Amino acid sequence: HNGSGKSTLLSLLSLLSRPTRGSLRFGAHDAAQARARLRPRIGVLAHSAMLYGDLSALENLRIYADLYSVPWSRVREDLETFAVGGWCERPVRTYSRGQLQRVSLVRSLLHRPGLWLLDEPSTGLDVGATGLLMEAVRRQRDAGVIVLLVTHDRELGEALADVQIELTRGRATAQARSREQMA
C-alpha cells in the first residue's frame, strides 16, 4: 500500500538514509561502521533514474562504469540484456519513462552488486521489457545475488518472489513463500 514504508526500507538498505533509532546490520557488519565497504556492493533502482539528463545513456553509463572500474565490454552486454537500442545516444531528458527505466536497470547492475534493490522496477516498461526484467531478476537470483523487489504489481511479485513480505505502516504484517499463503 502507499505509505507503508517500502521506499523508506529501500532507502535504509541502500545506505542512502540512516535509521532514526536502532541499527542496521548486513550480516556481521554494522552498516554505520562499514558503509564505505558495503555501499559498492549494493545496486539500486529507485523512483528517480539517477541519470544526468543532458548526457546520453552511453555517457551516463561511462561515468558509472568508471566509478566502479567496470570494463566497457560489460556495459555493452548489459545494454543488450535490457534491449537498449539506438536511442541510447540521445540526451536522457528525451527518453520515455520505459527507456529511462531500462537504462537505470543497466546502471544498477553494472558493478555486479551482491544486493540488488528494485523500487517499482516495471514502471513504464512494456510487456517485452518486463519480460527482460523478469529474466534479469531470475539470473541475478540464480547467481546468488540477494534481490529485494518492491512492487504494487502483485502478479510480478508472485512470479519472482521466493518470499513475500507485506508492509503496513513500516511493519511486516504478512510473510509468505507462496501466493496461497499470502491470501
C-alpha atoms as a PDB file:
ATOM      1  CA  HIS A   1       0.000   0.000   0.000  1.00  0.00           C
ATOM      2  CA  ASN A   2       1.075   3.613  -0.443  1.00  0.00           C
ATOM      3  CA  GLY A   3       2.742   4.976   2.667  1.00  0.00           C
ATOM      4  CA  SER A   4       3.534   1.569   4.112  1.00  0.00           C
ATOM      5  CA  GLY A   5       7.285   2.183   4.325  1.00  0.00           C
ATOM      6  CA  LYS A   6       8.542   0.442   1.183  1.00  0.00           C
ATOM      7  CA  SER A   7      10.628   3.326  -0.130  1.00  0.00           C
ATOM      8  CA  THR A   8      11.924   4.102   3.366  1.00  0.00           C
ATOM      9  CA  LEU A   9      13.030   0.497   3.744  1.00  0.00           C
ATOM     10  CA  LEU A  10      14.890   0.637   0.422  1.00  0.00           C
ATOM     11  CA  SER A  11      16.481   3.955   1.352  1.00  0.00           C
ATOM     12  CA  LEU A  12      17.785   2.401   4.571  1.00  0.00           C
ATOM     13  CA  LEU A  13      19.009  -0.781   2.871  1.00  0.00           C
ATOM     14  CA  SER A  14      20.751   1.209   0.140  1.00  0.00           C
ATOM     15  CA  LEU A  15      22.531   3.175   2.881  1.00  0.00           C
ATOM     16  CA  LEU A  16      21.158   6.430   1.484  1.00  0.00           C
ATOM     17  CA  SER A  17      19.369   7.046   4.819  1.00  0.00           C
ATOM     18  CA  ARG A  18      20.186   6.205   8.398  1.00  0.00           C
ATOM     19  CA  PRO A  19      17.714   4.726  10.879  1.00  0.00           C
ATOM     20  CA  THR A  20      16.284   7.215  13.379  1.00  0.00           C
ATOM     21  CA  ARG A  21      16.660   4.582  16.071  1.00  0.00           C
ATOM     22  CA  GLY A  22      18.178   1.157  16.327  1.00  0.00           C
ATOM     23  CA  SER A  23      20.855  -0.095  13.998  1.00  0.00           C
ATOM     24  CA  LEU A  24      21.100  -1.670  10.581  1.00  0.00           C
ATOM     25  CA  ARG A  25      23.235  -4.759  10.112  1.00  0.00           C
ATOM     26  CA  PHE A  26      24.371  -6.569   6.997  1.00  0.00           C
ATOM     27  CA  GLY A  27      25.352  -9.947   8.382  1.00  0.00           C
ATOM     28  CA  ALA A  28      28.162  -9.297  10.845  1.00  0.00           C
ATOM     29  CA  HIS A  29      28.623  -5.707   9.627  1.00  0.00           C
ATOM     30  CA  ASP A  30      27.128  -2.675  11.325  1.00  0.00           C
ATOM     31  CA  ALA A  31      26.047  -0.509   8.394  1.00  0.00           C
ATOM     32  CA  ALA A  32      27.096   2.738  10.058  1.00  0.00           C
ATOM     33  CA  GLN A  33      30.641   1.472  10.575  1.00  0.00           C
ATOM     34  CA  ALA A  34      31.032  -0.447   7.309  1.00  0.00           C
ATOM     35  CA  ARG A  35      29.185   1.918   4.938  1.00  0.00           C
ATOM     36  CA  ALA A  36      32.225   2.551   2.721  1.00  0.00           C
ATOM     37  CA  ARG A  37      32.783  -1.202   2.273  1.00  0.00           C
ATOM     38  CA  LEU A  38      29.111  -2.120   1.861  1.00  0.00           C
ATOM     39  CA  ARG A  39      27.868   0.637  -0.462  1.00  0.00           C
ATOM     40  CA  PRO A  40      29.766  -0.549  -3.574  1.00  0.00           C
ATOM     41  CA  ARG A  41      28.138  -3.977  -3.186  1.00  0.00           C
ATOM     42  CA  ILE A  42      24.606  -2.559  -3.449  1.00  0.00           C
ATOM     43  CA  GLY A  43      22.774  -1.879  -6.716  1.00  0.00           C
ATOM     44  CA  VAL A  44      19.786   0.462  -6.549  1.00  0.00           C
ATOM     45  CA  LEU A  45      16.925   1.104  -8.928  1.00  0.00           C
ATOM     46  CA  ALA A  46      14.929   3.942  -7.351  1.00  0.00           C
ATOM     47  CA  HIS A  47      11.966   6.032  -8.472  1.00  0.00           C
ATOM     48  CA  SER A  48      14.484   8.581  -9.708  1.00  0.00           C
ATOM     49  CA  ALA A  49      16.529   7.425 -12.699  1.00  0.00           C
ATOM     50  CA  MET A  50      19.801   8.684 -11.153  1.00  0.00           C
ATOM     51  CA  LEU A  51      20.970   9.759 -14.613  1.00  0.00           C
ATOM     52  CA  TYR A  52      22.207  13.106 -15.904  1.00  0.00           C
ATOM     53  CA  GLY A  53      19.551  14.493 -18.243  1.00  0.00           C
ATOM     54  CA  ASP A  54      21.867  16.321 -20.630  1.00  0.00           C
ATOM     55  CA  LEU A  55      24.052  13.268 -21.169  1.00  0.00           C
ATOM     56  CA  SER A  56      23.186  10.252 -23.290  1.00  0.00           C
ATOM     57  CA  ALA A  57      22.684   6.797 -21.807  1.00  0.00           C
ATOM     58  CA  LEU A  58      26.140   5.831 -23.029  1.00  0.00           C
ATOM     59  CA  GLU A  59      27.738   8.877 -21.407  1.00  0.00           C
ATOM     60  CA  ASN A  60      25.891   8.241 -18.140  1.00  0.00           C
ATOM     61  CA  LEU A  61      26.902   4.595 -18.119  1.00  0.00           C
ATOM     62  CA  ARG A  62      30.512   5.521 -18.894  1.00  0.00           C
ATOM     63  CA  ILE A  63      30.573   7.601 -15.700  1.00  0.00           C
ATOM     64  CA  TYR A  64      29.184   4.738 -13.614  1.00  0.00           C
ATOM     65  CA  ALA A  65      31.481   2.225 -15.285  1.00  0.00           C
ATOM     66  CA  ASP A  66      34.485   4.408 -14.491  1.00  0.00           C
ATOM     67  CA  LEU A  67      33.354   4.851 -10.865  1.00  0.00           C
ATOM     68  CA  TYR A  68      33.279   1.082 -10.392  1.00  0.00           C
ATOM     69  CA  SER A  69      36.179   0.211 -12.751  1.00  0.00           C
ATOM     70  CA  VAL A  70      33.807  -1.766 -14.971  1.00  0.00           C
ATOM     71  CA  PRO A  71      35.094  -2.652 -18.449  1.00  0.00           C
ATOM     72  CA  TRP A  72      33.136  -1.147 -21.326  1.00  0.00           C
ATOM     73  CA  SER A  73      32.533  -4.634 -22.751  1.00  0.00           C
ATOM     74  CA  ARG A  74      30.361  -5.414 -19.706  1.00  0.00           C
ATOM     75  CA  VAL A  75      28.364  -2.226 -20.256  1.00  0.00           C
ATOM     76  CA  ARG A  76      27.653  -3.360 -23.820  1.00  0.00           C
ATOM     77  CA  GLU A  77      26.487  -6.777 -22.551  1.00  0.00           C
ATOM     78  CA  ASP A  78      24.127  -5.156 -20.065  1.00  0.00           C
ATOM     79  CA  LEU A  79      22.753  -2.824 -22.741  1.00  0.00           C
ATOM     80  CA  GLU A  80      21.836  -5.929 -24.733  1.00  0.00           C
ATOM     81  CA  THR A  81      20.283  -7.588 -21.659  1.00  0.00           C
ATOM     82  CA  PHE A  82      17.713  -4.790 -21.444  1.00  0.00           C
ATOM     83  CA  ALA A  83      17.460  -4.182 -25.202  1.00  0.00           C
ATOM     84  CA  VAL A  84      18.697  -0.614 -25.002  1.00  0.00           C
ATOM     85  CA  GLY A  85      18.632   0.412 -28.645  1.00  0.00           C
ATOM     86  CA  GLY A  86      19.968   3.086 -30.964  1.00  0.00           C
ATOM     87  CA  TRP A  87      18.217   5.763 -28.959  1.00  0.00           C
ATOM     88  CA  CYS A  88      20.919   5.477 -26.277  1.00  0.00           C
ATOM     89  CA  GLU A  89      22.991   8.226 -27.901  1.00  0.00           C
ATOM     90  CA  ARG A  90      20.301  10.900 -27.403  1.00  0.00           C
ATOM     91  CA  PRO A  91      20.194  13.011 -24.228  1.00  0.00           C
ATOM     92  CA  VAL A  92      18.464  11.129 -21.401  1.00  0.00           C
ATOM     93  CA  ARG A  93      15.985  14.013 -20.926  1.00  0.00           C
ATOM     94  CA  THR A  94      14.390  12.993 -24.266  1.00  0.00           C
ATOM     95  CA  TYR A  95      13.650   9.407 -23.176  1.00  0.00           C
ATOM     96  CA  SER A  96      10.287   7.887 -22.412  1.00  0.00           C
ATOM     97  CA  ARG A  97       9.731   6.508 -18.899  1.00  0.00           C
ATOM     98  CA  GLY A  98      10.326   2.987 -20.184  1.00  0.00           C
ATOM     99  CA  GLN A  99      13.611   3.955 -21.848  1.00  0.00           C
ATOM    100  CA  LEU A 100      14.773   5.664 -18.646  1.00  0.00           C
ATOM    101  CA  GLN A 101      13.864   2.553 -16.692  1.00  0.00           C
ATOM    102  CA  ARG A 102      15.866   0.281 -18.995  1.00  0.00           C
ATOM    103  CA  VAL A 103      18.971   2.450 -18.717  1.00  0.00           C
ATOM    104  CA  SER A 104      18.507   2.709 -14.949  1.00  0.00           C
ATOM    105  CA  LEU A 105      18.324  -1.081 -14.722  1.00  0.00           C
ATOM    106  CA  VAL A 106      21.621  -1.325 -16.620  1.00  0.00           C
ATOM    107  CA  ARG A 107      23.157   1.294 -14.320  1.00  0.00           C
ATOM    108  CA  SER A 108      22.021  -0.555 -11.194  1.00  0.00           C
ATOM    109  CA  LEU A 109      23.685  -3.806 -12.283  1.00  0.00           C
ATOM    110  CA  LEU A 110      26.906  -2.552 -13.881  1.00  0.00           C
ATOM    111  CA  HIS A 111      29.107  -3.221 -10.879  1.00  0.00           C
ATOM    112  CA  ARG A 112      27.649  -6.692 -10.212  1.00  0.00           C
ATOM    113  CA  PRO A 113      26.193  -5.979  -6.777  1.00  0.00           C
ATOM    114  CA  GLY A 114      25.592  -8.637  -4.153  1.00  0.00           C
ATOM    115  CA  LEU A 115      22.374  -6.872  -3.103  1.00  0.00           C
ATOM    116  CA  TRP A 116      20.055  -5.522  -5.818  1.00  0.00           C
ATOM    117  CA  LEU A 117      17.301  -3.205  -4.589  1.00  0.00           C
ATOM    118  CA  LEU A 118      14.446  -2.578  -7.028  1.00  0.00           C
ATOM    119  CA  ASP A 119      11.740   0.003  -6.338  1.00  0.00           C
ATOM    120  CA  GLU A 120       8.817  -0.496  -8.734  1.00  0.00           C
ATOM    121  CA  PRO A 121      11.122  -1.844 -11.474  1.00  0.00           C
ATOM    122  CA  SER A 122       8.385  -2.444 -14.061  1.00  0.00           C
ATOM    123  CA  THR A 123       7.267   1.214 -14.059  1.00  0.00           C
ATOM    124  CA  GLY A 124       6.974   2.388 -17.655  1.00  0.00           C
ATOM    125  CA  LEU A 125       8.068  -0.937 -19.134  1.00  0.00           C
ATOM    126  CA  ASP A 126       6.106  -2.606 -21.904  1.00  0.00           C
ATOM    127  CA  VAL A 127       5.376  -6.341 -21.845  1.00  0.00           C
ATOM    128  CA  GLY A 128       8.605  -7.234 -23.666  1.00  0.00           C
ATOM    129  CA  ALA A 129      10.798  -5.139 -21.371  1.00  0.00           C
ATOM    130  CA  THR A 130       9.008  -6.532 -18.310  1.00  0.00           C
ATOM    131  CA  GLY A 131       9.943  -9.986 -19.578  1.00  0.00           C
ATOM    132  CA  LEU A 132      13.592  -8.878 -19.852  1.00  0.00           C
ATOM    133  CA  LEU A 133      13.385  -7.552 -16.293  1.00  0.00           C
ATOM    134  CA  MET A 134      11.985 -10.850 -15.044  1.00  0.00           C
ATOM    135  CA  GLU A 135      14.756 -12.798 -16.790  1.00  0.00           C
ATOM    136  CA  ALA A 136      17.398 -10.486 -15.300  1.00  0.00           C
ATOM    137  CA  VAL A 137      15.968 -10.871 -11.787  1.00  0.00           C
ATOM    138  CA  ARG A 138      15.958 -14.658 -12.106  1.00  0.00           C
ATOM    139  CA  ARG A 139      19.526 -14.676 -13.478  1.00  0.00           C
ATOM    140  CA  GLN A 140      20.788 -12.487 -10.656  1.00  0.00           C
ATOM    141  CA  ARG A 141      18.992 -14.546  -8.025  1.00  0.00           C
ATOM    142  CA  ASP A 142      20.374 -17.774  -9.512  1.00  0.00           C
ATOM    143  CA  ALA A 143      23.877 -16.240  -9.390  1.00  0.00           C
ATOM    144  CA  GLY A 144      23.493 -15.707  -5.637  1.00  0.00           C
ATOM    145  CA  VAL A 145      22.553 -12.027  -5.656  1.00  0.00           C
ATOM    146  CA  ILE A 146      20.051 -11.008  -3.000  1.00  0.00           C
ATOM    147  CA  VAL A 147      17.209  -9.266  -4.837  1.00  0.00           C
ATOM    148  CA  LEU A 148      14.732  -7.136  -2.934  1.00  0.00           C
ATOM    149  CA  LEU A 149      11.880  -6.059  -5.166  1.00  0.00           C
ATOM    150  CA  VAL A 150       9.273  -3.551  -4.027  1.00  0.00           C
ATOM    151  CA  THR A 151       6.150  -3.500  -6.144  1.00  0.00           C
ATOM    152  CA  HIS A 152       2.446  -2.766  -6.190  1.00  0.00           C
ATOM    153  CA  ASP A 153       2.191  -5.329  -9.001  1.00  0.00           C
ATOM    154  CA  ARG A 154       1.162  -8.450  -7.109  1.00  0.00           C
ATOM    155  CA  GLU A 155       1.473 -10.659 -10.212  1.00  0.00           C
ATOM    156  CA  LEU A 156       5.070  -9.561 -10.794  1.00  0.00           C
ATOM    157  CA  GLY A 157       5.892 -10.123  -7.145  1.00  0.00           C
ATOM    158  CA  GLU A 158       4.318 -13.559  -7.134  1.00  0.00           C
ATOM    159  CA  ALA A 159       6.142 -14.535 -10.321  1.00  0.00           C
ATOM    160  CA  LEU A 160       9.551 -13.548  -8.946  1.00  0.00           C
ATOM    161  CA  ALA A 161       9.496 -13.785  -5.170  1.00  0.00           C
ATOM    162  CA  ASP A 162      10.866 -16.603  -3.096  1.00  0.00           C
ATOM    163  CA  VAL A 163       9.486 -14.824  -0.046  1.00  0.00           C
ATOM    164  CA  GLN A 164       6.807 -12.115   0.008  1.00  0.00           C
ATOM    165  CA  ILE A 165       6.507  -9.599   2.815  1.00  0.00           C
ATOM    166  CA  GLU A 166       3.643  -7.164   3.147  1.00  0.00           C
ATOM    167  CA  LEU A 167       4.314  -3.889   4.942  1.00  0.00           C
ATOM    168  CA  THR A 168       1.756  -1.830   6.801  1.00  0.00           C
ATOM    169  CA  ARG A 169       2.880   1.408   8.444  1.00  0.00           C
ATOM    170  CA  GLY A 170       6.506   0.322   8.397  1.00  0.00           C
ATOM    171  CA  ARG A 171       5.897  -3.100   9.899  1.00  0.00           C
ATOM    172  CA  ALA A 172       5.878  -6.526   8.295  1.00  0.00           C
ATOM    173  CA  THR A 173       2.268  -7.677   8.630  1.00  0.00           C
ATOM    174  CA  ALA A 174       2.352 -10.775   6.449  1.00  0.00           C
ATOM    175  CA  GLN A 175       5.008 -13.082   5.095  1.00  0.00           C
ATOM    176  CA  ALA A 176       4.660 -15.984   2.740  1.00  0.00           C
ATOM    177  CA  ARG A 177       6.564 -18.273   0.450  1.00  0.00           C
ATOM    178  CA  SER A 178       3.717 -18.687  -1.996  1.00  0.00           C
ATOM    179  CA  ARG A 179       0.606 -16.920  -3.273  1.00  0.00           C
ATOM    180  CA  GLU A 180      -1.727 -19.174  -1.331  1.00  0.00           C
ATOM    181  CA  GLN A 181      -0.042 -18.348   1.977  1.00  0.00           C
ATOM    182  CA  MET A 182      -0.412 -14.562   1.452  1.00  0.00           C
ATOM    183  CA  ALA A 183      -4.187 -14.674   0.960  1.00  0.00           C
END
